[in-house]
Amino acid sequence: MDIQSLKNFFMWCSIINGSLLFIWILIIGIAPDLVYKTQYLWFPIPREKYDIILYSFLGVFKLLFLFLNFIPFIVLLIIG
């Protein structure tokens, strides 16, 4: 696999995962109560625990996005 193919791969991974992260943050920012009520139907947990779980998953997803998609894309841009 050549560097150009890897660049394209990581570029599209970064675009897709960055968009998902942005949409997730946007939805949580605009309608947090609606998201909680929807999730409460399937998983009845207290709001405090829900907030901790939600922001923990958001933080983990952001770190994984940065380290597994965005940083490799930047590195390939630099060396390519």
Protein backbone atom coordinates (compact mmCIF):
# COMPACT_ATOMS: atom_id res chain seq x y z
CA MET A 1 0.00 0.00 0.00
CA ASP A 2 1.46 3.36 -0.96
CA ILE A 3 1.44 6.59 1.04
CA GLN A 4 -1.21 8.23 -1.15
CA SER A 5 -3.67 5.40 -0.48
CA LEU A 6 -2.98 5.62 3.25
CA LYS A 7 -3.44 9.40 3.12
CA ASN A 8 -6.81 8.98 1.44
CA PHE A 9 -7.84 6.28 3.88
CA PHE A 10 -6.98 8.32 6.97
CA MET A 11 -8.45 11.47 5.44
CA TRP A 12 -11.84 9.80 4.95
CA CYS A 13 -11.65 8.10 8.36
CA SER A 14 -10.96 11.50 9.91
CA ILE A 15 -13.80 13.17 8.03
CA ILE A 16 -16.34 10.49 8.90
CA ASN A 17 -15.34 10.08 12.55
CA GLY A 18 -14.91 13.83 13.03
CA SER A 19 -18.40 14.35 11.64
CA LEU A 20 -19.82 11.74 14.00
CA LEU A 21 -18.06 13.41 16.92
CA PHE A 22 -19.36 16.83 15.88
CA ILE A 23 -22.94 15.54 15.47
CA TRP A 24 -22.76 13.78 18.84
CA ILE A 25 -21.57 16.97 20.57
CA LEU A 26 -24.19 19.03 18.74
CA ILE A 27 -27.07 16.74 19.72
CA ILE A 28 -25.93 16.59 23.34
CA GLY A 29 -25.55 20.37 23.40
CA ILE A 30 -28.92 21.14 21.82
CA ALA A 31 -31.20 18.52 23.36
CA PRO A 32 -29.62 16.79 26.38
CA ASP A 33 -32.98 16.09 28.04
CA LEU A 34 -34.41 14.48 24.91
CA VAL A 35 -31.35 12.23 24.60
CA TYR A 36 -31.62 11.25 28.26
CA LYS A 37 -35.36 10.51 28.03
CA THR A 38 -34.85 8.41 24.92
CA GLN A 39 -32.06 6.39 26.50
CA TYR A 40 -33.95 6.08 29.80
CA LEU A 41 -36.59 3.99 28.02
CA TRP A 42 -34.01 1.28 27.37
CA PHE A 43 -31.62 1.80 30.29
CA PRO A 44 -33.30 3.20 33.40
CA ILE A 45 -30.36 4.80 35.23
CA PRO A 46 -30.17 8.01 37.26
CA ARG A 47 -29.33 11.21 35.40
CA GLU A 48 -26.05 11.72 37.28
CA LYS A 49 -24.72 8.30 36.26
CA TYR A 50 -25.99 8.82 32.72
CA ASP A 51 -24.09 12.10 32.41
CA ILE A 52 -20.88 10.48 33.67
CA ILE A 53 -21.23 7.56 31.25
CA LEU A 54 -22.11 9.82 28.32
CA TYR A 55 -19.20 12.21 28.80
CA SER A 56 -16.83 9.30 29.45
CA PHE A 57 -17.79 7.70 26.14
CA LEU A 58 -17.50 11.08 24.44
CA GLY A 59 -14.00 11.56 25.86
CA VAL A 60 -12.88 8.06 24.87
CA PHE A 61 -14.27 8.52 21.35
CA LYS A 62 -12.49 11.87 21.02
CA LEU A 63 -9.16 10.38 22.14
CA LEU A 64 -9.53 7.40 19.82
CA PHE A 65 -10.43 9.74 16.95
CA LEU A 66 -7.37 11.87 17.57
CA PHE A 67 -4.87 9.05 18.06
CA LEU A 68 -6.17 6.54 15.53
CA ASN A 69 -7.43 8.81 12.72
CA PHE A 70 -6.37 12.43 12.84
CA ILE A 71 -2.76 12.21 14.04
CA PRO A 72 -1.83 9.46 11.53
CA PHE A 73 -3.39 11.59 8.77
CA ILE A 74 -1.33 14.63 9.82
CA VAL A 75 1.83 12.51 9.99
CA LEU A 76 1.21 11.17 6.48
CA LEU A 77 0.72 14.73 5.24
CA ILE A 78 4.04 15.73 6.77
CA ILE A 79 6.07 12.81 5.43
CA GLY A 80 4.27 12.59 2.08
